[in-house]
C-alpha atoms as a PDB file:
ATOM      1  CA  MET A   1     -13.947  63.194 -28.902  1.00  0.00           C
ATOM      2  CA  SER A   2     -14.030  61.004 -32.026  1.00  0.00           C
ATOM      3  CA  ARG A   3     -13.274  57.299 -32.257  1.00  0.00           C
ATOM      4  CA  PRO A   4      -9.687  56.674 -31.142  1.00  0.00           C
ATOM      5  CA  GLU A   5      -6.947  56.184 -33.722  1.00  0.00           C
ATOM      6  CA  THR A   6      -5.738  53.126 -31.788  1.00  0.00           C
ATOM      7  CA  LEU A   7      -8.716  51.041 -32.969  1.00  0.00           C
ATOM      8  CA  THR A   8      -6.714  49.715 -35.915  1.00  0.00           C
ATOM      9  CA  TRP A   9      -3.834  48.759 -33.624  1.00  0.00           C
ATOM     10  CA  TRP A  10      -6.289  47.046 -31.300  1.00  0.00           C
ATOM     11  CA  ALA A  11      -7.896  45.019 -34.110  1.00  0.00           C
ATOM     12  CA  ASP A  12      -4.462  43.944 -35.351  1.00  0.00           C
ATOM     13  CA  GLY A  13      -3.490  42.987 -31.804  1.00  0.00           C
ATOM     14  CA  GLU A  14      -6.542  40.793 -31.354  1.00  0.00           C
ATOM     15  CA  ARG A  15      -5.676  39.027 -34.611  1.00  0.00           C
ATOM     16  CA  LEU A  16      -2.076  38.510 -33.496  1.00  0.00           C
ATOM     17  CA  PHE A  17      -3.210  37.071 -30.173  1.00  0.00           C
ATOM     18  CA  GLY A  18      -5.641  34.834 -32.053  1.00  0.00           C
ATOM     19  CA  THR A  19      -2.753  33.624 -34.203  1.00  0.00           C
ATOM     20  CA  ALA A  20      -0.751  32.666 -31.122  1.00  0.00           C
ATOM     21  CA  LEU A  21      -3.750  30.946 -29.547  1.00  0.00           C
ATOM     22  CA  GLY A  22      -4.513  29.070 -32.745  1.00  0.00           C
ATOM     23  CA  ARG A  23      -1.021  27.588 -32.793  1.00  0.00           C
ATOM     24  CA  LEU A  24      -1.511  25.918 -29.404  1.00  0.00           C
ATOM     25  CA  THR A  25      -2.967  22.469 -29.006  1.00  0.00           C
ATOM     26  CA  ASP A  26      -5.190  21.888 -25.989  1.00  0.00           C
ATOM     27  CA  GLU A  27      -2.403  19.844 -24.385  1.00  0.00           C
ATOM     28  CA  GLU A  28      -0.012  22.783 -24.650  1.00  0.00           C
ATOM     29  CA  PHE A  29      -2.150  25.003 -22.421  1.00  0.00           C
ATOM     30  CA  ASP A  30      -0.446  23.517 -19.350  1.00  0.00           C
ATOM     31  CA  VAL A  31       3.059  24.560 -20.475  1.00  0.00           C
ATOM     32  CA  PRO A  32       4.677  27.527 -18.670  1.00  0.00           C
ATOM     33  CA  SER A  33       4.378  30.849 -20.479  1.00  0.00           C
ATOM     34  CA  LEU A  34       7.148  33.430 -20.774  1.00  0.00           C
ATOM     35  CA  LEU A  35       5.487  35.336 -17.921  1.00  0.00           C
ATOM     36  CA  PRO A  36       7.130  34.100 -14.705  1.00  0.00           C
ATOM     37  CA  GLY A  37       4.717  32.236 -12.433  1.00  0.00           C
ATOM     38  CA  TRP A  38       1.979  31.799 -15.035  1.00  0.00           C
ATOM     39  CA  ASP A  39       1.370  28.923 -17.399  1.00  0.00           C
ATOM     40  CA  ARG A  40      -0.394  29.513 -20.693  1.00  0.00           C
ATOM     41  CA  ARG A  41      -3.734  28.761 -19.051  1.00  0.00           C
ATOM     42  CA  HIS A  42      -3.357  31.733 -16.717  1.00  0.00           C
ATOM     43  CA  VAL A  43      -2.321  34.048 -19.543  1.00  0.00           C
ATOM     44  CA  LEU A  44      -5.377  32.998 -21.567  1.00  0.00           C
ATOM     45  CA  ALA A  45      -7.653  33.322 -18.544  1.00  0.00           C
ATOM     46  CA  HIS A  46      -6.324  36.811 -17.817  1.00  0.00           C
ATOM     47  CA  VAL A  47      -6.801  37.954 -21.418  1.00  0.00           C
ATOM     48  CA  ALA A  48     -10.396  36.662 -21.428  1.00  0.00           C
ATOM     49  CA  ARG A  49     -11.240  38.299 -18.105  1.00  0.00           C
ATOM     50  CA  ASN A  50      -9.541  41.527 -19.175  1.00  0.00           C
ATOM     51  CA  ALA A  51     -11.794  41.731 -22.233  1.00  0.00           C
ATOM     52  CA  ASP A  52     -14.881  41.578 -20.046  1.00  0.00           C
ATOM     53  CA  ALA A  53     -13.351  44.085 -17.620  1.00  0.00           C
ATOM     54  CA  LEU A  54     -12.910  46.536 -20.478  1.00  0.00           C
ATOM     55  CA  VAL A  55     -16.488  45.883 -21.591  1.00  0.00           C
ATOM     56  CA  ASN A  56     -17.397  47.121 -18.107  1.00  0.00           C
ATOM     57  CA  LEU A  57     -15.575  50.389 -18.759  1.00  0.00           C
ATOM     58  CA  LEU A  58     -17.296  50.874 -22.096  1.00  0.00           C
ATOM     59  CA  THR A  59     -20.640  50.150 -20.422  1.00  0.00           C
ATOM     60  CA  TRP A  60     -19.769  52.851 -17.878  1.00  0.00           C
ATOM     61  CA  ALA A  61     -18.953  55.255 -20.705  1.00  0.00           C
ATOM     62  CA  ARG A  62     -22.157  54.442 -22.572  1.00  0.00           C
ATOM     63  CA  THR A  63     -24.584  54.520 -19.640  1.00  0.00           C
ATOM     64  CA  GLY A  64     -22.921  56.883 -17.170  1.00  0.00           C
ATOM     65  CA  VAL A  65     -23.363  54.224 -14.460  1.00  0.00           C
ATOM     66  CA  ARG A  66     -20.157  53.496 -12.570  1.00  0.00           C
ATOM     67  CA  THR A  67     -19.059  50.011 -13.654  1.00  0.00           C
ATOM     68  CA  PRO A  68     -15.518  49.198 -12.477  1.00  0.00           C
ATOM     69  CA  MET A  69     -13.283  46.780 -14.329  1.00  0.00           C
ATOM     70  CA  TYR A  70     -13.310  44.422 -11.348  1.00  0.00           C
ATOM     71  CA  PRO A  71     -15.267  44.581  -8.062  1.00  0.00           C
ATOM     72  CA  THR A  72     -12.033  44.113  -6.094  1.00  0.00           C
ATOM     73  CA  PRO A  73      -8.457  42.976  -6.782  1.00  0.00           C
ATOM     74  CA  GLU A  74      -9.337  39.722  -5.033  1.00  0.00           C
ATOM     75  CA  ALA A  75     -12.279  39.191  -7.368  1.00  0.00           C
ATOM     76  CA  ARG A  76      -9.982  39.753 -10.350  1.00  0.00           C
ATOM     77  CA  ASP A  77      -7.541  37.112  -9.119  1.00  0.00           C
ATOM     78  CA  ALA A  78     -10.344  34.674  -8.310  1.00  0.00           C
ATOM     79  CA  GLY A  79     -11.826  35.102 -11.782  1.00  0.00           C
ATOM     80  CA  ILE A  80      -8.510  34.367 -13.454  1.00  0.00           C
ATOM     81  CA  ALA A  81      -8.040  31.254 -11.303  1.00  0.00           C
ATOM     82  CA  GLU A  82     -11.569  30.075 -12.115  1.00  0.00           C
ATOM     83  CA  SER A  83     -11.064  30.458 -15.861  1.00  0.00           C
ATOM     84  CA  ALA A  84      -7.588  28.909 -15.761  1.00  0.00           C
ATOM     85  CA  ALA A  85      -9.106  25.765 -14.220  1.00  0.00           C
ATOM     86  CA  LEU A  86     -11.432  25.192 -17.185  1.00  0.00           C
ATOM     87  CA  GLN A  87     -10.922  22.364 -19.632  1.00  0.00           C
ATOM     88  CA  ALA A  88      -8.849  23.573 -22.573  1.00  0.00           C
ATOM     89  CA  PRO A  89     -11.722  23.679 -25.107  1.00  0.00           C
ATOM     90  CA  ALA A  90     -13.868  25.674 -22.673  1.00  0.00           C
ATOM     91  CA  LEU A  91     -11.030  28.093 -21.933  1.00  0.00           C
ATOM     92  CA  ARG A  92     -10.363  28.571 -25.628  1.00  0.00           C
ATOM     93  CA  ALA A  93     -14.055  29.274 -26.189  1.00  0.00           C
ATOM     94  CA  GLN A  94     -14.106  31.726 -23.280  1.00  0.00           C
ATOM     95  CA  VAL A  95     -11.243  33.732 -24.777  1.00  0.00           C
ATOM     96  CA  LEU A  96     -12.974  33.949 -28.144  1.00  0.00           C
ATOM     97  CA  ALA A  97     -16.378  34.807 -26.650  1.00  0.00           C
ATOM     98  CA  ALA A  98     -14.974  37.533 -24.397  1.00  0.00           C
ATOM     99  CA  THR A  99     -13.048  39.017 -27.305  1.00  0.00           C
ATOM    100  CA  ALA A 100     -16.244  39.086 -29.353  1.00  0.00           C
ATOM    101  CA  ARG A 101     -18.108  40.827 -26.517  1.00  0.00           C
ATOM    102  CA  LEU A 102     -15.422  43.487 -26.379  1.00  0.00           C
ATOM    103  CA  ALA A 103     -15.585  43.972 -30.140  1.00  0.00           C
ATOM    104  CA  ASP A 104     -19.348  44.427 -29.916  1.00  0.00           C
ATOM    105  CA  ALA A 105     -18.955  46.955 -27.096  1.00  0.00           C
ATOM    106  CA  VAL A 106     -16.377  48.935 -29.055  1.00  0.00           C
ATOM    107  CA  GLN A 107     -18.398  48.983 -32.250  1.00  0.00           C
ATOM    108  CA  GLY A 108     -21.578  49.890 -30.393  1.00  0.00           C
ATOM    109  CA  LEU A 109     -20.168  52.790 -28.390  1.00  0.00           C
ATOM    110  CA  PRO A 110     -21.673  56.129 -29.458  1.00  0.00           C
ATOM    111  CA  GLU A 111     -19.058  58.572 -30.688  1.00  0.00           C
ATOM    112  CA  GLU A 112     -19.727  61.074 -27.907  1.00  0.00           C
ATOM    113  CA  ALA A 113     -19.153  58.388 -25.262  1.00  0.00           C
ATOM    114  CA  TRP A 114     -15.459  58.044 -26.131  1.00  0.00           C
ATOM    115  CA  SER A 115     -14.822  61.212 -24.105  1.00  0.00           C
ATOM    116  CA  ALA A 116     -16.595  59.877 -20.982  1.00  0.00           C
ATOM    117  CA  GLN A 117     -14.347  59.481 -17.940  1.00  0.00           C
ATOM    118  CA  VAL A 118     -13.834  55.974 -16.540  1.00  0.00           C
ATOM    119  CA  GLU A 119     -11.257  54.497 -14.170  1.00  0.00           C
ATOM    120  CA  THR A 120      -8.507  51.944 -14.646  1.00  0.00           C
ATOM    121  CA  ALA A 121      -8.110  49.091 -12.171  1.00  0.00           C
ATOM    122  CA  GLN A 122      -5.494  51.258 -10.434  1.00  0.00           C
ATOM    123  CA  GLY A 123      -8.039  54.053  -9.974  1.00  0.00           C
ATOM    124  CA  ARG A 124      -6.630  56.404 -12.619  1.00  0.00           C
ATOM    125  CA  ALA A 125      -9.255  58.477 -14.423  1.00  0.00           C
ATOM    126  CA  VAL A 126      -9.013  58.173 -18.219  1.00  0.00           C
ATOM    127  CA  PRO A 127     -11.336  58.843 -21.150  1.00  0.00           C
ATOM    128  CA  ALA A 128     -13.013  55.794 -22.648  1.00  0.00           C
ATOM    129  CA  ALA A 129     -10.928  56.493 -25.752  1.00  0.00           C
ATOM    130  CA  GLU A 130      -7.972  54.997 -23.870  1.00  0.00           C
ATOM    131  CA  VAL A 131      -9.665  51.591 -23.579  1.00  0.00           C
ATOM    132  CA  PRO A 132      -8.506  50.275 -26.998  1.00  0.00           C
ATOM    133  CA  TRP A 133      -4.914  51.145 -26.082  1.00  0.00           C
ATOM    134  CA  MET A 134      -5.324  49.413 -22.716  1.00  0.00           C
ATOM    135  CA  ARG A 135      -6.368  46.302 -24.626  1.00  0.00           C
ATOM    136  CA  CYS A 136      -3.481  46.704 -27.090  1.00  0.00           C
ATOM    137  CA  ARG A 137      -1.014  46.399 -24.236  1.00  0.00           C
ATOM    138  CA  GLU A 138      -2.661  43.181 -23.140  1.00  0.00           C
ATOM    139  CA  VAL A 139      -3.035  41.357 -26.435  1.00  0.00           C
ATOM    140  CA  TYR A 140       0.311  42.237 -27.986  1.00  0.00           C
ATOM    141  CA  VAL A 141       2.424  41.498 -24.922  1.00  0.00           C
ATOM    142  CA  HIS A 142       0.525  38.378 -23.913  1.00  0.00           C
ATOM    143  CA  ALA A 143       0.661  37.062 -27.482  1.00  0.00           C
ATOM    144  CA  VAL A 144       4.420  37.040 -26.968  1.00  0.00           C
ATOM    145  CA  ASP A 145       4.023  35.514 -23.485  1.00  0.00           C
ATOM    146  CA  LEU A 146       2.203  32.499 -24.959  1.00  0.00           C
ATOM    147  CA  ASP A 147       5.530  31.468 -26.533  1.00  0.00           C
ATOM    148  CA  ALA A 148       3.805  30.183 -29.651  1.00  0.00           C
ATOM    149  CA  GLY A 149       6.083  31.644 -32.288  1.00  0.00           C
ATOM    150  CA  VAL A 150       4.939  35.258 -31.954  1.00  0.00           C
ATOM    151  CA  GLY A 151       7.560  37.820 -30.974  1.00  0.00           C
ATOM    152  CA  PHE A 152       7.817  41.577 -30.779  1.00  0.00           C
ATOM    153  CA  GLY A 153       9.230  41.518 -34.293  1.00  0.00           C
ATOM    154  CA  ASP A 154       5.707  40.575 -35.402  1.00  0.00           C
ATOM    155  CA  VAL A 155       4.327  43.798 -33.885  1.00  0.00           C
ATOM    156  CA  ALA A 156       4.209  46.956 -35.999  1.00  0.00           C
ATOM    157  CA  GLU A 157       7.051  49.338 -35.170  1.00  0.00           C
ATOM    158  CA  GLU A 158       4.661  52.184 -34.402  1.00  0.00           C
ATOM    159  CA  VAL A 159       2.884  49.992 -31.852  1.00  0.00           C
ATOM    160  CA  GLN A 160       6.177  48.960 -30.273  1.00  0.00           C
ATOM    161  CA  ALA A 161       7.249  52.603 -30.064  1.00  0.00           C
ATOM    162  CA  ALA A 162       3.928  53.474 -28.414  1.00  0.00           C
ATOM    163  CA  MET A 163       4.515  50.683 -25.880  1.00  0.00           C
ATOM    164  CA  VAL A 164       7.941  52.081 -25.023  1.00  0.00           C
ATOM    165  CA  ASP A 165       6.372  55.545 -24.705  1.00  0.00           C
ATOM    166  CA  ASP A 166       3.857  53.985 -22.321  1.00  0.00           C
ATOM    167  CA  VAL A 167       6.598  52.380 -20.237  1.00  0.00           C
ATOM    168  CA  PHE A 168       8.335  55.716 -19.737  1.00  0.00           C
ATOM    169  CA  ARG A 169       5.027  57.445 -18.927  1.00  0.00           C
ATOM    170  CA  MET A 170       4.246  54.824 -16.278  1.00  0.00           C
ATOM    171  CA  TRP A 171       7.691  55.218 -14.729  1.00  0.00           C
ATOM    172  CA  ASP A 172       7.293  58.998 -14.735  1.00  0.00           C
ATOM    173  CA  ARG A 173       3.932  58.781 -12.935  1.00  0.00           C
ATOM    174  CA  ARG A 174       5.579  56.683 -10.221  1.00  0.00           C
ATOM    175  CA  ASP A 175       8.741  58.821 -10.160  1.00  0.00           C
ATOM    176  CA  GLN A 176      10.757  55.733 -11.119  1.00  0.00           C
ATOM    177  CA  VAL A 177      12.377  56.749 -14.405  1.00  0.00           C
ATOM    178  CA  PRO A 178      15.753  54.959 -14.516  1.00  0.00           C
ATOM    179  CA  ASP A 179      19.029  56.675 -15.388  1.00  0.00           C
ATOM    180  CA  VAL A 180      19.029  55.455 -18.998  1.00  0.00           C
ATOM    181  CA  VAL A 181      18.752  56.746 -22.524  1.00  0.00           C
ATOM    182  CA  VAL A 182      17.505  54.131 -24.963  1.00  0.00           C
ATOM    183  CA  PHE A 183      18.150  54.083 -28.710  1.00  0.00           C
ATOM    184  CA  ALA A 184      16.430  51.955 -31.353  1.00  0.00           C
ATOM    185  CA  GLY A 185      17.260  53.066 -34.870  1.00  0.00           C
ATOM    186  CA  ASP A 186      16.374  56.763 -35.066  1.00  0.00           C
ATOM    187  CA  ARG A 187      14.126  56.543 -32.000  1.00  0.00           C
ATOM    188  CA  GLU A 188      15.256  57.712 -28.557  1.00  0.00           C
ATOM    189  CA  TRP A 189      13.769  57.610 -25.061  1.00  0.00           C
ATOM    190  CA  GLY A 190      14.995  58.933 -21.738  1.00  0.00           C
ATOM    191  CA  THR A 191      17.738  61.360 -20.803  1.00  0.00           C
ATOM    192  CA  GLY A 192      19.849  59.275 -18.430  1.00  0.00           C
ATOM    193  CA  ALA A 193      23.582  58.634 -18.242  1.00  0.00           C
ATOM    194  CA  VAL A 194      23.551  54.959 -19.312  1.00  0.00           C
ATOM    195  CA  ALA A 195      23.081  54.479 -23.051  1.00  0.00           C
ATOM    196  CA  VAL A 196      21.326  51.277 -24.151  1.00  0.00           C
ATOM    197  CA  SER A 197      20.827  50.524 -27.826  1.00  0.00           C
ATOM    198  CA  GLY A 198      19.616  47.790 -30.101  1.00  0.00           C
ATOM    199  CA  PRO A 199      16.818  46.692 -32.438  1.00  0.00           C
ATOM    200  CA  LEU A 200      13.350  47.921 -31.521  1.00  0.00           C
ATOM    201  CA  PRO A 201      11.949  44.419 -30.753  1.00  0.00           C
ATOM    202  CA  ALA A 202      14.800  43.831 -28.302  1.00  0.00           C
ATOM    203  CA  VAL A 203      14.186  47.225 -26.687  1.00  0.00           C
ATOM    204  CA  THR A 204      10.450  46.534 -26.401  1.00  0.00           C
ATOM    205  CA  GLY A 205      11.014  43.111 -24.881  1.00  0.00           C
ATOM    206  CA  TRP A 206      13.462  44.477 -22.313  1.00  0.00           C
ATOM    207  CA  LEU A 207      11.462  47.530 -21.252  1.00  0.00           C
ATOM    208  CA  THR A 208       8.219  45.551 -20.928  1.00  0.00           C
ATOM    209  CA  GLY A 209       9.982  43.030 -18.714  1.00  0.00           C
ATOM    210  CA  ARG A 210       9.920  40.185 -21.248  1.00  0.00           C
ATOM    211  CA  SER A 211      13.687  39.845 -21.563  1.00  0.00           C
ATOM    212  CA  ARG A 212      16.839  40.685 -19.665  1.00  0.00           C
ATOM    213  CA  GLY A 213      18.153  42.738 -22.543  1.00  0.00           C
ATOM    214  CA  GLU A 214      19.268  40.080 -24.994  1.00  0.00           C
ATOM    215  CA  GLY A 215      20.269  41.719 -28.271  1.00  0.00           C
ATOM    216  CA  LEU A 216      21.028  45.075 -26.626  1.00  0.00           C
ATOM    217  CA  THR A 217      24.335  46.768 -25.897  1.00  0.00           C
ATOM    218  CA  ALA A 218      25.305  49.134 -23.081  1.00  0.00           C
ATOM    219  CA  ASP A 219      28.521  50.306 -21.459  1.00  0.00           C
ATOM    220  CA  GLY A 220      28.939  48.338 -18.260  1.00  0.00           C
ATOM    221  CA  GLY A 221      26.141  45.885 -18.974  1.00  0.00           C
ATOM    222  CA  ILE A 222      22.380  46.126 -19.273  1.00  0.00           C
ATOM    223  CA  PRO A 223      20.950  47.810 -16.162  1.00  0.00           C
ATOM    224  CA  GLU A 224      17.947  46.642 -14.181  1.00  0.00           C
ATOM    225  CA  VAL A 225      14.832  48.716 -14.821  1.00  0.00           C
ATOM    226  CA  PRO A 226      11.587  49.000 -12.828  1.00  0.00           C
ATOM    227  CA  ALA A 227       8.482  47.005 -13.676  1.00  0.00           C
ATOM    228  CA  TRP A 228       6.214  48.521 -16.310  1.00  0.00           C
ATOM    229  CA  LEU A 229       2.680  47.695 -15.109  1.00  0.00           C
END
């Protein structure tokens, strides 16, 4: 398996997240994010810890030694809490350093290792080639969550469409596909009875759980849909 095509998307996503981070003053880290229950500190801490977790998967792929993303779910949560408690300059530095470590791991992965099987935090076996896409989901969505002037309209349409594809795949794996058909321009997802339509950024925000469907139209109102991740 050759280097994944999603590497360009991933690099663009890291830059977009860096743009959102760069717009925040240290004092603004304590402000709530758009992700319910988390302030910006927790979003930043999660993104930093996620980078190192994905380095673990690439290490697994490179060495063949089982290296899970996190030792346990409890360890993941404790790590996020620890990083979120840092002083703002230290947290900012941790995000940048972890991102750099991930970039080094990606660039240093031998081409044949992209086909190595690793496991997501949920225990799903995937090739290492899926790791850049796993990071894409994190950096693009959490760039929006930081509420620093970055929205889904700043994300390339092909990346948004891939996110919506991912949402429907996740629902299908859990047998939770809702009774909807979703339209955004000439794109279409689902085969349900309730038609929902609108601009692609509004669709992406709704299906990823970042909005209640503002900017969308549907007969009888916008339905509730299951969580994505």
